[in-house]
Amino acid sequence: MRKALFFLKWPKNNSFVFSIFLAMNVLLAPYCQAQQNWPSQPIRIIVTFTPGGAPDTLARILSEKLQNTLGVPIMVENKPGAGGNIGADYVAKSKPDGYTLLLGTVGTQTINPYLYTKIPYNAEKDFTPISFLAATPNLLVVNNQIPAKTIEELIAYAKSKPGELTFGSSGSGTSIHLSGELFKVMAGVDMTHIPYKGRASSIPDLIGGRITMIFDNMPSAIPLVKDGSIRAIAVTSLKRSPAAPEIPTISESGLEGFNATSWFALLGPANLPKPILDKLNLETNRVLDTPEIKERLLKLGLETNTGSPDQLNGFIKEEAKKWSEVVKKSGAKAE
């Protein structure tokens, strides 16, 4: 035993130990220097949906201001497909150097893991939560030819035509999709989900009457409601939205407790170095806390919220528990 332990002792030659220490410093120096000099090149924010929707709008407003504080260009890159899985997986497999970030959504982080039989990334382990960004209720909007103008009337109309009504979405696994599934469960109606590659491609079909309704994000739905292209029925949050206080909630309209909110957060690949994480969190919160950005986003129906990476991580875990139960009860599957 003594002989074996001998090999675990440090060598008596101090120069050997110093050589190893020096070699480690040489190897780690570029890595440490890169963190200290971050950022030194353009940053990309990956949006997992097509241009024009709430995630894309938020990412572009954020990047516009954040690049001024960080001093490098910040580009928004759209990688849509598979309910956000393609873009999320791209970031999950990117180098954790702070130059490739994800505009994460309720879908990519807390719905898709339960809706899809298999996804290419691990939502819990493959990302570093950086900062919560904003949340928005979805807005239940219908084609103008639908006679229903209230939740009560819409439920009665759906029950009179079982299986005939359709609700579109920007893809399976999005909050737009799961809002519809939750509505089906709580209202006891039979409707058919029609997934699209992005919400932009679903709107012409809604206006044209080829689909009945969409639980669309507020920022993208409000302009269409205001110009009369579609009709708003109710919002999906527990409280009315400051962006449209005249529109009632689904909860107050008969389905008490109905709550389906879209939220967006900034994340990086797993193992993002702490100095970079801290700087991103600090500067992102600073941008979101400015009155100009708060007001600008609120007009679009987006309510900002700031906090620490740990707070975001805890929130994501709570949301995952909630939506896993909704998926299970509704029997929803990725299509």
C-alpha atoms as a PDB file:
ATOM      1  CA  MET A   1       0.000   0.000   0.000  1.00  0.00           C
ATOM      2  CA  ARG A   2       2.834   2.433   0.893  1.00  0.00           C
ATOM      3  CA  LYS A   3       4.461   1.756  -2.419  1.00  0.00           C
ATOM      4  CA  ALA A   4       1.232   2.551  -4.278  1.00  0.00           C
ATOM      5  CA  LEU A   5       0.719   5.802  -2.379  1.00  0.00           C
ATOM      6  CA  PHE A   6       4.199   6.896  -3.318  1.00  0.00           C
ATOM      7  CA  PHE A   7       3.058   7.591  -6.865  1.00  0.00           C
ATOM      8  CA  LEU A   8       0.320   9.976  -5.646  1.00  0.00           C
ATOM      9  CA  LYS A   9       2.846  12.366  -4.044  1.00  0.00           C
ATOM     10  CA  TRP A  10       4.083  15.466  -5.814  1.00  0.00           C
ATOM     11  CA  PRO A  11       7.554  15.072  -7.333  1.00  0.00           C
ATOM     12  CA  LYS A  12      10.401  16.438  -5.222  1.00  0.00           C
ATOM     13  CA  ASN A  13      11.679  18.359  -8.210  1.00  0.00           C
ATOM     14  CA  ASN A  14       9.979  21.765  -7.883  1.00  0.00           C
ATOM     15  CA  SER A  15      11.050  22.751 -11.389  1.00  0.00           C
ATOM     16  CA  PHE A  16       8.865  19.966 -12.801  1.00  0.00           C
ATOM     17  CA  VAL A  17       5.815  21.299 -10.956  1.00  0.00           C
ATOM     18  CA  PHE A  18       6.596  24.829 -12.139  1.00  0.00           C
ATOM     19  CA  SER A  19       6.870  23.597 -15.727  1.00  0.00           C
ATOM     20  CA  ILE A  20       3.403  22.051 -15.574  1.00  0.00           C
ATOM     21  CA  PHE A  21       1.981  25.215 -14.018  1.00  0.00           C
ATOM     22  CA  LEU A  22       3.601  27.325 -16.741  1.00  0.00           C
ATOM     23  CA  ALA A  23       2.282  25.046 -19.499  1.00  0.00           C
ATOM     24  CA  MET A  24      -1.254  25.268 -18.115  1.00  0.00           C
ATOM     25  CA  ASN A  25      -1.063  29.047 -18.072  1.00  0.00           C
ATOM     26  CA  VAL A  26       0.149  29.106 -21.670  1.00  0.00           C
ATOM     27  CA  LEU A  27      -2.746  26.900 -22.761  1.00  0.00           C
ATOM     28  CA  LEU A  28      -5.395  28.806 -20.793  1.00  0.00           C
ATOM     29  CA  ALA A  29      -4.145  32.302 -21.619  1.00  0.00           C
ATOM     30  CA  PRO A  30      -5.886  32.624 -25.035  1.00  0.00           C
ATOM     31  CA  TYR A  31      -9.141  31.318 -23.517  1.00  0.00           C
ATOM     32  CA  CYS A  32      -9.051  33.794 -20.637  1.00  0.00           C
ATOM     33  CA  GLN A  33      -7.999  36.618 -22.947  1.00  0.00           C
ATOM     34  CA  ALA A  34     -10.929  35.886 -25.273  1.00  0.00           C
ATOM     35  CA  GLN A  35     -13.376  36.185 -22.365  1.00  0.00           C
ATOM     36  CA  GLN A  36     -11.828  39.444 -21.198  1.00  0.00           C
ATOM     37  CA  ASN A  37     -12.001  40.940 -24.708  1.00  0.00           C
ATOM     38  CA  TRP A  38     -15.567  39.743 -25.362  1.00  0.00           C
ATOM     39  CA  PRO A  39     -17.222  40.815 -27.535  1.00  0.00           C
ATOM     40  CA  SER A  40     -14.714  41.362 -30.306  1.00  0.00           C
ATOM     41  CA  GLN A  41     -16.795  40.225 -33.294  1.00  0.00           C
ATOM     42  CA  PRO A  42     -20.446  40.294 -34.464  1.00  0.00           C
ATOM     43  CA  ILE A  43     -23.061  38.439 -32.415  1.00  0.00           C
ATOM     44  CA  ARG A  44     -25.951  36.479 -33.903  1.00  0.00           C
ATOM     45  CA  ILE A  45     -29.361  36.085 -32.281  1.00  0.00           C
ATOM     46  CA  ILE A  46     -31.120  33.053 -33.740  1.00  0.00           C
ATOM     47  CA  VAL A  47     -34.895  33.406 -34.076  1.00  0.00           C
ATOM     48  CA  THR A  48     -36.614  30.068 -34.565  1.00  0.00           C
ATOM     49  CA  PHE A  49     -39.514  31.439 -36.613  1.00  0.00           C
ATOM     50  CA  THR A  50     -40.048  33.406 -39.811  1.00  0.00           C
ATOM     51  CA  PRO A  51     -39.780  37.222 -39.923  1.00  0.00           C
ATOM     52  CA  GLY A  52     -42.765  39.289 -38.877  1.00  0.00           C
ATOM     53  CA  GLY A  53     -43.897  37.502 -35.718  1.00  0.00           C
ATOM     54  CA  ALA A  54     -43.423  38.528 -32.088  1.00  0.00           C
ATOM     55  CA  PRO A  55     -40.086  36.661 -31.599  1.00  0.00           C
ATOM     56  CA  ASP A  56     -38.566  38.304 -34.672  1.00  0.00           C
ATOM     57  CA  THR A  57     -39.854  41.769 -33.756  1.00  0.00           C
ATOM     58  CA  LEU A  58     -38.516  41.484 -30.203  1.00  0.00           C
ATOM     59  CA  ALA A  59     -35.122  40.216 -31.362  1.00  0.00           C
ATOM     60  CA  ARG A  60     -34.692  43.113 -33.790  1.00  0.00           C
ATOM     61  CA  ILE A  61     -35.644  45.761 -31.221  1.00  0.00           C
ATOM     62  CA  LEU A  62     -33.294  44.189 -28.669  1.00  0.00           C
ATOM     63  CA  SER A  63     -30.387  43.827 -31.105  1.00  0.00           C
ATOM     64  CA  GLU A  64     -30.777  47.422 -32.265  1.00  0.00           C
ATOM     65  CA  LYS A  65     -30.114  48.746 -28.759  1.00  0.00           C
ATOM     66  CA  LEU A  66     -27.849  46.010 -27.428  1.00  0.00           C
ATOM     67  CA  GLN A  67     -25.276  46.468 -30.185  1.00  0.00           C
ATOM     68  CA  ASN A  68     -24.807  50.076 -29.073  1.00  0.00           C
ATOM     69  CA  THR A  69     -23.942  49.044 -25.519  1.00  0.00           C
ATOM     70  CA  LEU A  70     -21.779  46.057 -26.490  1.00  0.00           C
ATOM     71  CA  GLY A  71     -20.017  47.882 -29.323  1.00  0.00           C
ATOM     72  CA  VAL A  72     -20.325  45.184 -31.998  1.00  0.00           C
ATOM     73  CA  PRO A  73     -22.940  44.447 -34.687  1.00  0.00           C
ATOM     74  CA  ILE A  74     -25.751  42.128 -33.589  1.00  0.00           C
ATOM     75  CA  MET A  75     -27.493  40.307 -36.403  1.00  0.00           C
ATOM     76  CA  VAL A  76     -30.870  38.583 -36.238  1.00  0.00           C
ATOM     77  CA  GLU A  77     -30.927  35.322 -38.167  1.00  0.00           C
ATOM     78  CA  ASN A  78     -34.153  33.408 -38.800  1.00  0.00           C
ATOM     79  CA  LYS A  79     -33.941  29.611 -38.739  1.00  0.00           C
ATOM     80  CA  PRO A  80     -37.575  28.424 -38.795  1.00  0.00           C
ATOM     81  CA  GLY A  81     -38.927  24.901 -38.875  1.00  0.00           C
ATOM     82  CA  ALA A  82     -40.222  22.045 -36.704  1.00  0.00           C
ATOM     83  CA  GLY A  83     -41.899  24.330 -34.187  1.00  0.00           C
ATOM     84  CA  GLY A  84     -38.600  26.056 -33.432  1.00  0.00           C
ATOM     85  CA  ASN A  85     -36.578  22.863 -33.012  1.00  0.00           C
ATOM     86  CA  ILE A  86     -34.254  23.564 -35.950  1.00  0.00           C
ATOM     87  CA  GLY A  87     -33.095  26.955 -34.692  1.00  0.00           C
ATOM     88  CA  ALA A  88     -32.876  25.826 -31.063  1.00  0.00           C
ATOM     89  CA  ASP A  89     -30.794  22.804 -32.006  1.00  0.00           C
ATOM     90  CA  TYR A  90     -28.457  25.009 -34.046  1.00  0.00           C
ATOM     91  CA  VAL A  91     -27.697  27.129 -30.974  1.00  0.00           C
ATOM     92  CA  ALA A  92     -27.459  24.088 -28.686  1.00  0.00           C
ATOM     93  CA  LYS A  93     -24.671  22.735 -30.885  1.00  0.00           C
ATOM     94  CA  SER A  94     -22.861  26.064 -31.284  1.00  0.00           C
ATOM     95  CA  LYS A  95     -19.633  26.989 -29.545  1.00  0.00           C
ATOM     96  CA  PRO A  96     -20.301  28.549 -26.099  1.00  0.00           C
ATOM     97  CA  ASP A  97     -18.381  31.732 -26.832  1.00  0.00           C
ATOM     98  CA  GLY A  98     -21.220  34.258 -26.609  1.00  0.00           C
ATOM     99  CA  TYR A  99     -21.373  34.914 -30.338  1.00  0.00           C
ATOM    100  CA  THR A 100     -24.386  32.692 -31.088  1.00  0.00           C
ATOM    101  CA  LEU A 101     -27.469  33.253 -28.937  1.00  0.00           C
ATOM    102  CA  LEU A 102     -31.044  32.003 -28.977  1.00  0.00           C
ATOM    103  CA  LEU A 103     -34.288  33.941 -28.776  1.00  0.00           C
ATOM    104  CA  GLY A 104     -35.886  31.108 -26.814  1.00  0.00           C
ATOM    105  CA  THR A 105     -39.648  30.736 -26.567  1.00  0.00           C
ATOM    106  CA  VAL A 106     -42.166  28.919 -24.412  1.00  0.00           C
ATOM    107  CA  GLY A 107     -42.334  26.394 -27.255  1.00  0.00           C
ATOM    108  CA  THR A 108     -38.653  25.624 -27.754  1.00  0.00           C
ATOM    109  CA  GLN A 109     -37.883  25.456 -24.028  1.00  0.00           C
ATOM    110  CA  THR A 110     -41.003  24.029 -22.328  1.00  0.00           C
ATOM    111  CA  ILE A 111     -43.495  22.570 -24.830  1.00  0.00           C
ATOM    112  CA  ASN A 112     -41.583  20.779 -27.575  1.00  0.00           C
ATOM    113  CA  PRO A 113     -39.811  18.337 -25.223  1.00  0.00           C
ATOM    114  CA  TYR A 114     -43.228  16.850 -24.388  1.00  0.00           C
ATOM    115  CA  LEU A 115     -45.027  17.347 -27.688  1.00  0.00           C
ATOM    116  CA  TYR A 116     -42.449  15.734 -29.970  1.00  0.00           C
ATOM    117  CA  THR A 117     -41.566  12.069 -29.698  1.00  0.00           C
ATOM    118  CA  LYS A 118     -37.947  13.012 -30.255  1.00  0.00           C
ATOM    119  CA  ILE A 119     -36.162  16.350 -30.486  1.00  0.00           C
ATOM    120  CA  PRO A 120     -32.467  16.842 -31.362  1.00  0.00           C
ATOM    121  CA  TYR A 121     -31.583  18.847 -28.241  1.00  0.00           C
ATOM    122  CA  ASN A 122     -32.085  18.651 -24.493  1.00  0.00           C
ATOM    123  CA  ALA A 123     -34.000  21.760 -23.455  1.00  0.00           C
ATOM    124  CA  GLU A 124     -32.833  21.500 -19.850  1.00  0.00           C
ATOM    125  CA  LYS A 125     -29.146  20.674 -20.330  1.00  0.00           C
ATOM    126  CA  ASP A 126     -28.100  22.160 -23.680  1.00  0.00           C
ATOM    127  CA  PHE A 127     -28.632  25.851 -22.903  1.00  0.00           C
ATOM    128  CA  THR A 128     -27.440  28.584 -20.565  1.00  0.00           C
ATOM    129  CA  PRO A 129     -30.329  30.826 -19.429  1.00  0.00           C
ATOM    130  CA  ILE A 130     -29.235  34.463 -19.751  1.00  0.00           C
ATOM    131  CA  SER A 131     -32.195  36.785 -19.278  1.00  0.00           C
ATOM    132  CA  PHE A 132     -35.972  36.839 -19.415  1.00  0.00           C
ATOM    133  CA  LEU A 133     -37.053  39.328 -22.079  1.00  0.00           C
ATOM    134  CA  ALA A 134     -40.792  39.797 -22.381  1.00  0.00           C
ATOM    135  CA  ALA A 135     -44.166  38.116 -22.310  1.00  0.00           C
ATOM    136  CA  THR A 136     -47.374  38.622 -24.230  1.00  0.00           C
ATOM    137  CA  PRO A 137     -50.801  37.061 -24.116  1.00  0.00           C
ATOM    138  CA  ASN A 138     -52.066  35.446 -27.247  1.00  0.00           C
ATOM    139  CA  LEU A 139     -55.107  36.945 -28.879  1.00  0.00           C
ATOM    140  CA  LEU A 140     -57.933  34.710 -30.062  1.00  0.00           C
ATOM    141  CA  VAL A 141     -58.913  36.091 -33.452  1.00  0.00           C
ATOM    142  CA  VAL A 142     -61.429  34.743 -35.959  1.00  0.00           C
ATOM    143  CA  ASN A 143     -62.315  35.158 -39.592  1.00  0.00           C
ATOM    144  CA  ASN A 144     -64.802  37.990 -40.053  1.00  0.00           C
ATOM    145  CA  GLN A 145     -67.386  35.610 -41.536  1.00  0.00           C
ATOM    146  CA  ILE A 146     -67.672  33.692 -38.240  1.00  0.00           C
ATOM    147  CA  PRO A 147     -70.854  34.898 -36.502  1.00  0.00           C
ATOM    148  CA  ALA A 148     -69.479  34.521 -32.959  1.00  0.00           C
ATOM    149  CA  LYS A 149     -68.329  37.720 -31.239  1.00  0.00           C
ATOM    150  CA  THR A 150     -67.801  36.413 -27.689  1.00  0.00           C
ATOM    151  CA  ILE A 151     -66.244  33.314 -26.107  1.00  0.00           C
ATOM    152  CA  GLU A 152     -69.680  32.040 -25.141  1.00  0.00           C
ATOM    153  CA  GLU A 153     -70.950  32.411 -28.701  1.00  0.00           C
ATOM    154  CA  LEU A 154     -67.800  30.827 -30.144  1.00  0.00           C
ATOM    155  CA  ILE A 155     -68.088  27.771 -27.893  1.00  0.00           C
ATOM    156  CA  ALA A 156     -71.762  27.354 -28.837  1.00  0.00           C
ATOM    157  CA  TYR A 157     -70.877  27.737 -32.525  1.00  0.00           C
ATOM    158  CA  ALA A 158     -68.078  25.150 -32.263  1.00  0.00           C
ATOM    159  CA  LYS A 159     -70.351  22.663 -30.502  1.00  0.00           C
ATOM    160  CA  SER A 160     -72.945  23.049 -33.242  1.00  0.00           C
ATOM    161  CA  LYS A 161     -70.297  22.075 -35.819  1.00  0.00           C
ATOM    162  CA  PRO A 162     -68.167  19.365 -34.151  1.00  0.00           C
ATOM    163  CA  GLY A 163     -64.898  18.780 -35.991  1.00  0.00           C
ATOM    164  CA  GLU A 164     -65.602  21.467 -38.605  1.00  0.00           C
ATOM    165  CA  LEU A 165     -63.834  24.438 -37.042  1.00  0.00           C
ATOM    166  CA  THR A 166     -60.075  24.819 -37.473  1.00  0.00           C
ATOM    167  CA  PHE A 167     -57.383  26.754 -35.642  1.00  0.00           C
ATOM    168  CA  GLY A 168     -54.085  27.617 -37.266  1.00  0.00           C
ATOM    169  CA  SER A 169     -50.701  28.052 -35.662  1.00  0.00           C
ATOM    170  CA  SER A 170     -47.133  29.030 -36.491  1.00  0.00           C
ATOM    171  CA  GLY A 171     -46.143  25.393 -35.967  1.00  0.00           C
ATOM    172  CA  SER A 172     -46.640  22.450 -33.661  1.00  0.00           C
ATOM    173  CA  GLY A 173     -45.406  23.128 -30.154  1.00  0.00           C
ATOM    174  CA  THR A 174     -45.792  26.896 -30.208  1.00  0.00           C
ATOM    175  CA  SER A 175     -47.855  28.701 -27.591  1.00  0.00           C
ATOM    176  CA  ILE A 176     -50.214  29.554 -30.444  1.00  0.00           C
ATOM    177  CA  HIS A 177     -50.800  25.825 -30.952  1.00  0.00           C
ATOM    178  CA  LEU A 178     -51.055  24.904 -27.263  1.00  0.00           C
ATOM    179  CA  SER A 179     -53.429  27.799 -26.561  1.00  0.00           C
ATOM    180  CA  GLY A 180     -55.812  26.115 -28.975  1.00  0.00           C
ATOM    181  CA  GLU A 181     -55.322  22.714 -27.368  1.00  0.00           C
ATOM    182  CA  LEU A 182     -56.009  24.178 -23.920  1.00  0.00           C
ATOM    183  CA  PHE A 183     -59.128  25.855 -25.280  1.00  0.00           C
ATOM    184  CA  LYS A 184     -60.352  22.548 -26.700  1.00  0.00           C
ATOM    185  CA  VAL A 185     -59.908  20.827 -23.332  1.00  0.00           C
ATOM    186  CA  MET A 186     -61.479  23.547 -21.191  1.00  0.00           C
ATOM    187  CA  ALA A 187     -64.352  24.366 -23.573  1.00  0.00           C
ATOM    188  CA  GLY A 188     -65.060  20.744 -24.466  1.00  0.00           C
ATOM    189  CA  VAL A 189     -65.089  21.401 -28.204  1.00  0.00           C
ATOM    190  CA  ASP A 190     -63.769  19.426 -31.168  1.00  0.00           C
ATOM    191  CA  MET A 191     -61.576  21.511 -33.481  1.00  0.00           C
ATOM    192  CA  THR A 192     -58.793  20.641 -35.916  1.00  0.00           C
ATOM    193  CA  HIS A 193     -55.279  22.038 -35.612  1.00  0.00           C
ATOM    194  CA  ILE A 194     -53.684  23.320 -38.841  1.00  0.00           C
ATOM    195  CA  PRO A 195     -49.932  23.932 -38.387  1.00  0.00           C
ATOM    196  CA  TYR A 196     -48.058  26.317 -40.688  1.00  0.00           C
ATOM    197  CA  LYS A 197     -44.341  26.909 -41.178  1.00  0.00           C
ATOM    198  CA  GLY A 198     -44.792  30.380 -39.672  1.00  0.00           C
ATOM    199  CA  ARG A 199     -47.617  32.643 -38.569  1.00  0.00           C
ATOM    200  CA  ALA A 200     -47.132  34.856 -41.658  1.00  0.00           C
ATOM    201  CA  SER A 201     -48.271  32.065 -43.970  1.00  0.00           C
ATOM    202  CA  SER A 202     -51.355  31.374 -41.836  1.00  0.00           C
ATOM    203  CA  ILE A 203     -52.769  34.895 -41.920  1.00  0.00           C
ATOM    204  CA  PRO A 204     -53.914  34.906 -45.587  1.00  0.00           C
ATOM    205  CA  ASP A 205     -55.815  31.683 -44.906  1.00  0.00           C
ATOM    206  CA  LEU A 206     -57.440  33.200 -41.829  1.00  0.00           C
ATOM    207  CA  ILE A 207     -58.480  36.362 -43.642  1.00  0.00           C
ATOM    208  CA  GLY A 208     -59.663  34.318 -46.622  1.00  0.00           C
ATOM    209  CA  GLY A 209     -61.757  32.017 -44.441  1.00  0.00           C
ATOM    210  CA  ARG A 210     -59.818  28.838 -45.119  1.00  0.00           C
ATOM    211  CA  ILE A 211     -59.231  28.455 -41.372  1.00  0.00           C
ATOM    212  CA  THR A 212     -61.550  29.587 -38.586  1.00  0.00           C
ATOM    213  CA  MET A 213     -59.278  31.115 -35.958  1.00  0.00           C
ATOM    214  CA  ILE A 214     -55.774  31.606 -34.558  1.00  0.00           C
ATOM    215  CA  PHE A 215     -54.524  32.234 -31.024  1.00  0.00           C
ATOM    216  CA  ASP A 216     -51.991  34.707 -32.392  1.00  0.00           C
ATOM    217  CA  ASN A 217     -49.330  36.691 -30.522  1.00  0.00           C
ATOM    218  CA  MET A 218     -50.614  40.161 -29.606  1.00  0.00           C
ATOM    219  CA  PRO A 219     -47.890  42.167 -31.416  1.00  0.00           C
ATOM    220  CA  SER A 220     -48.692  40.581 -34.760  1.00  0.00           C
ATOM    221  CA  ALA A 221     -52.473  40.318 -34.321  1.00  0.00           C
ATOM    222  CA  ILE A 222     -53.363  43.805 -33.083  1.00  0.00           C
ATOM    223  CA  PRO A 223     -52.617  45.667 -36.371  1.00  0.00           C
ATOM    224  CA  LEU A 224     -54.860  43.243 -38.283  1.00  0.00           C
ATOM    225  CA  VAL A 225     -57.652  43.695 -35.747  1.00  0.00           C
ATOM    226  CA  LYS A 226     -57.362  47.466 -35.922  1.00  0.00           C
ATOM    227  CA  ASP A 227     -57.580  47.551 -39.714  1.00  0.00           C
ATOM    228  CA  GLY A 228     -60.629  45.261 -39.680  1.00  0.00           C
ATOM    229  CA  SER A 229     -59.010  42.283 -41.422  1.00  0.00           C
ATOM    230  CA  ILE A 230     -59.927  39.911 -38.572  1.00  0.00           C
ATOM    231  CA  ARG A 231     -62.015  40.058 -35.369  1.00  0.00           C
ATOM    232  CA  ALA A 232     -60.672  39.800 -31.824  1.00  0.00           C
ATOM    233  CA  ILE A 233     -62.606  37.641 -29.362  1.00  0.00           C
ATOM    234  CA  ALA A 234     -60.472  37.503 -26.192  1.00  0.00           C
ATOM    235  CA  VAL A 235     -56.922  37.414 -24.800  1.00  0.00           C
ATOM    236  CA  THR A 236     -55.410  34.289 -23.268  1.00  0.00           C
ATOM    237  CA  SER A 237     -53.835  35.801 -20.133  1.00  0.00           C
ATOM    238  CA  LEU A 238     -55.512  35.988 -16.721  1.00  0.00           C
ATOM    239  CA  LYS A 239     -55.505  39.793 -16.856  1.00  0.00           C
ATOM    240  CA  ARG A 240     -56.388  42.113 -19.721  1.00  0.00           C
ATOM    241  CA  SER A 241     -53.475  43.389 -21.767  1.00  0.00           C
ATOM    242  CA  PRO A 242     -52.445  47.063 -21.341  1.00  0.00           C
ATOM    243  CA  ALA A 243     -51.981  47.094 -25.111  1.00  0.00           C
ATOM    244  CA  ALA A 244     -55.692  46.398 -25.666  1.00  0.00           C
ATOM    245  CA  PRO A 245     -57.591  46.804 -22.369  1.00  0.00           C
ATOM    246  CA  GLU A 246     -60.935  46.811 -24.161  1.00  0.00           C
ATOM    247  CA  ILE A 247     -60.557  43.137 -25.134  1.00  0.00           C
ATOM    248  CA  PRO A 248     -61.761  40.718 -22.413  1.00  0.00           C
ATOM    249  CA  THR A 249     -59.845  37.663 -21.255  1.00  0.00           C
ATOM    250  CA  ILE A 250     -60.973  34.109 -21.966  1.00  0.00           C
ATOM    251  CA  SER A 251     -60.904  33.508 -18.209  1.00  0.00           C
ATOM    252  CA  GLU A 252     -63.387  36.291 -17.417  1.00  0.00           C
ATOM    253  CA  SER A 253     -65.541  35.271 -20.379  1.00  0.00           C
ATOM    254  CA  GLY A 254     -66.529  31.855 -19.063  1.00  0.00           C
ATOM    255  CA  LEU A 255     -63.445  29.614 -18.973  1.00  0.00           C
ATOM    256  CA  GLU A 256     -62.192  30.630 -15.544  1.00  0.00           C
ATOM    257  CA  GLY A 257     -58.487  30.062 -14.993  1.00  0.00           C
ATOM    258  CA  PHE A 258     -57.598  29.919 -18.691  1.00  0.00           C
ATOM    259  CA  ASN A 259     -54.011  31.145 -18.973  1.00  0.00           C
ATOM    260  CA  ALA A 260     -51.670  30.706 -21.922  1.00  0.00           C
ATOM    261  CA  THR A 261     -48.951  33.321 -22.240  1.00  0.00           C
ATOM    262  CA  SER A 262     -46.197  33.516 -24.814  1.00  0.00           C
ATOM    263  CA  TRP A 263     -42.825  34.457 -23.381  1.00  0.00           C
ATOM    264  CA  PHE A 264     -39.388  35.028 -24.776  1.00  0.00           C
ATOM    265  CA  ALA A 265     -35.929  34.726 -23.243  1.00  0.00           C
ATOM    266  CA  LEU A 266     -32.294  35.053 -24.258  1.00  0.00           C
ATOM    267  CA  LEU A 267     -30.217  31.884 -23.966  1.00  0.00           C
ATOM    268  CA  GLY A 268     -26.820  30.648 -25.048  1.00  0.00           C
ATOM    269  CA  PRO A 269     -25.311  27.204 -25.544  1.00  0.00           C
ATOM    270  CA  ALA A 270     -24.546  25.200 -22.400  1.00  0.00           C
ATOM    271  CA  ASN A 271     -21.384  26.101 -20.467  1.00  0.00           C
ATOM    272  CA  LEU A 272     -21.363  29.770 -21.446  1.00  0.00           C
ATOM    273  CA  PRO A 273     -18.451  31.314 -19.479  1.00  0.00           C
ATOM    274  CA  LYS A 274     -19.633  33.249 -16.427  1.00  0.00           C
ATOM    275  CA  PRO A 275     -17.968  36.570 -17.356  1.00  0.00           C
ATOM    276  CA  ILE A 276     -19.801  36.534 -20.689  1.00  0.00           C
ATOM    277  CA  LEU A 277     -23.053  35.383 -19.064  1.00  0.00           C
ATOM    278  CA  ASP A 278     -22.895  38.148 -16.467  1.00  0.00           C
ATOM    279  CA  LYS A 279     -22.164  40.833 -19.045  1.00  0.00           C
ATOM    280  CA  LEU A 280     -24.984  39.711 -21.330  1.00  0.00           C
ATOM    281  CA  ASN A 281     -27.439  39.596 -18.444  1.00  0.00           C
ATOM    282  CA  LEU A 282     -26.396  43.046 -17.213  1.00  0.00           C
ATOM    283  CA  GLU A 283     -26.571  44.759 -20.604  1.00  0.00           C
ATOM    284  CA  THR A 284     -29.800  43.026 -21.670  1.00  0.00           C
ATOM    285  CA  ASN A 285     -31.537  44.048 -18.443  1.00  0.00           C
ATOM    286  CA  ARG A 286     -30.222  47.567 -18.848  1.00  0.00           C
ATOM    287  CA  VAL A 287     -31.761  47.830 -22.326  1.00  0.00           C
ATOM    288  CA  LEU A 288     -35.102  46.369 -21.236  1.00  0.00           C
ATOM    289  CA  ASP A 289     -35.316  48.718 -18.242  1.00  0.00           C
ATOM    290  CA  THR A 290     -35.127  51.880 -20.347  1.00  0.00           C
ATOM    291  CA  PRO A 291     -38.480  53.733 -20.534  1.00  0.00           C
ATOM    292  CA  GLU A 292     -38.151  54.017 -24.325  1.00  0.00           C
ATOM    293  CA  ILE A 293     -37.926  50.248 -24.866  1.00  0.00           C
ATOM    294  CA  LYS A 294     -40.587  49.459 -22.259  1.00  0.00           C
ATOM    295  CA  GLU A 295     -43.040  51.807 -23.952  1.00  0.00           C
ATOM    296  CA  ARG A 296     -42.128  50.676 -27.451  1.00  0.00           C
ATOM    297  CA  LEU A 297     -42.666  47.008 -26.608  1.00  0.00           C
ATOM    298  CA  LEU A 298     -45.810  47.659 -24.576  1.00  0.00           C
ATOM    299  CA  LYS A 299     -47.453  49.265 -27.608  1.00  0.00           C
ATOM    300  CA  LEU A 300     -46.887  45.914 -29.334  1.00  0.00           C
ATOM    301  CA  GLY A 301     -48.418  43.980 -26.431  1.00  0.00           C
ATOM    302  CA  LEU A 302     -45.067  42.862 -25.012  1.00  0.00           C
ATOM    303  CA  GLU A 303     -44.478  43.393 -21.286  1.00  0.00           C
ATOM    304  CA  THR A 304     -40.789  43.389 -20.355  1.00  0.00           C
ATOM    305  CA  ASN A 305     -39.392  41.723 -17.268  1.00  0.00           C
ATOM    306  CA  THR A 306     -35.812  41.519 -16.053  1.00  0.00           C
ATOM    307  CA  GLY A 307     -33.986  39.249 -13.653  1.00  0.00           C
ATOM    308  CA  SER A 308     -31.043  36.942 -13.067  1.00  0.00           C
ATOM    309  CA  PRO A 309     -30.094  33.779 -14.983  1.00  0.00           C
ATOM    310  CA  ASP A 310     -31.062  31.709 -11.930  1.00  0.00           C
ATOM    311  CA  GLN A 311     -34.519  33.301 -11.842  1.00  0.00           C
ATOM    312  CA  LEU A 312     -34.999  32.528 -15.523  1.00  0.00           C
ATOM    313  CA  ASN A 313     -33.891  28.940 -14.982  1.00  0.00           C
ATOM    314  CA  GLY A 314     -36.441  28.492 -12.193  1.00  0.00           C
ATOM    315  CA  PHE A 315     -39.201  30.029 -14.302  1.00  0.00           C
ATOM    316  CA  ILE A 316     -38.459  27.697 -17.226  1.00  0.00           C
ATOM    317  CA  LYS A 317     -38.715  24.672 -14.941  1.00  0.00           C
ATOM    318  CA  GLU A 318     -42.129  25.824 -13.664  1.00  0.00           C
ATOM    319  CA  GLU A 319     -43.388  26.401 -17.202  1.00  0.00           C
ATOM    320  CA  ALA A 320     -42.151  22.988 -18.329  1.00  0.00           C
ATOM    321  CA  LYS A 321     -44.195  21.330 -15.581  1.00  0.00           C
ATOM    322  CA  LYS A 322     -47.311  23.279 -16.561  1.00  0.00           C
ATOM    323  CA  TRP A 323     -47.143  22.634 -20.296  1.00  0.00           C
ATOM    324  CA  SER A 324     -46.226  18.974 -19.947  1.00  0.00           C
ATOM    325  CA  GLU A 325     -49.547  18.506 -18.166  1.00  0.00           C
ATOM    326  CA  VAL A 326     -51.442  20.420 -20.883  1.00  0.00           C
ATOM    327  CA  VAL A 327     -49.888  18.266 -23.599  1.00  0.00           C
ATOM    328  CA  LYS A 328     -50.783  15.117 -21.684  1.00  0.00           C
ATOM    329  CA  LYS A 329     -54.399  16.123 -21.030  1.00  0.00           C
ATOM    330  CA  SER A 330     -55.044  17.371 -24.568  1.00  0.00           C
ATOM    331  CA  GLY A 331     -53.395  14.419 -26.264  1.00  0.00           C
ATOM    332  CA  ALA A 332     -51.670  16.868 -28.600  1.00  0.00           C
ATOM    333  CA  LYS A 333     -48.896  15.554 -30.828  1.00  0.00           C
ATOM    334  CA  ALA A 334     -46.470  17.174 -33.218  1.00  0.00           C
ATOM    335  CA  GLU A 335     -47.800  17.022 -36.780  1.00  0.00           C
END
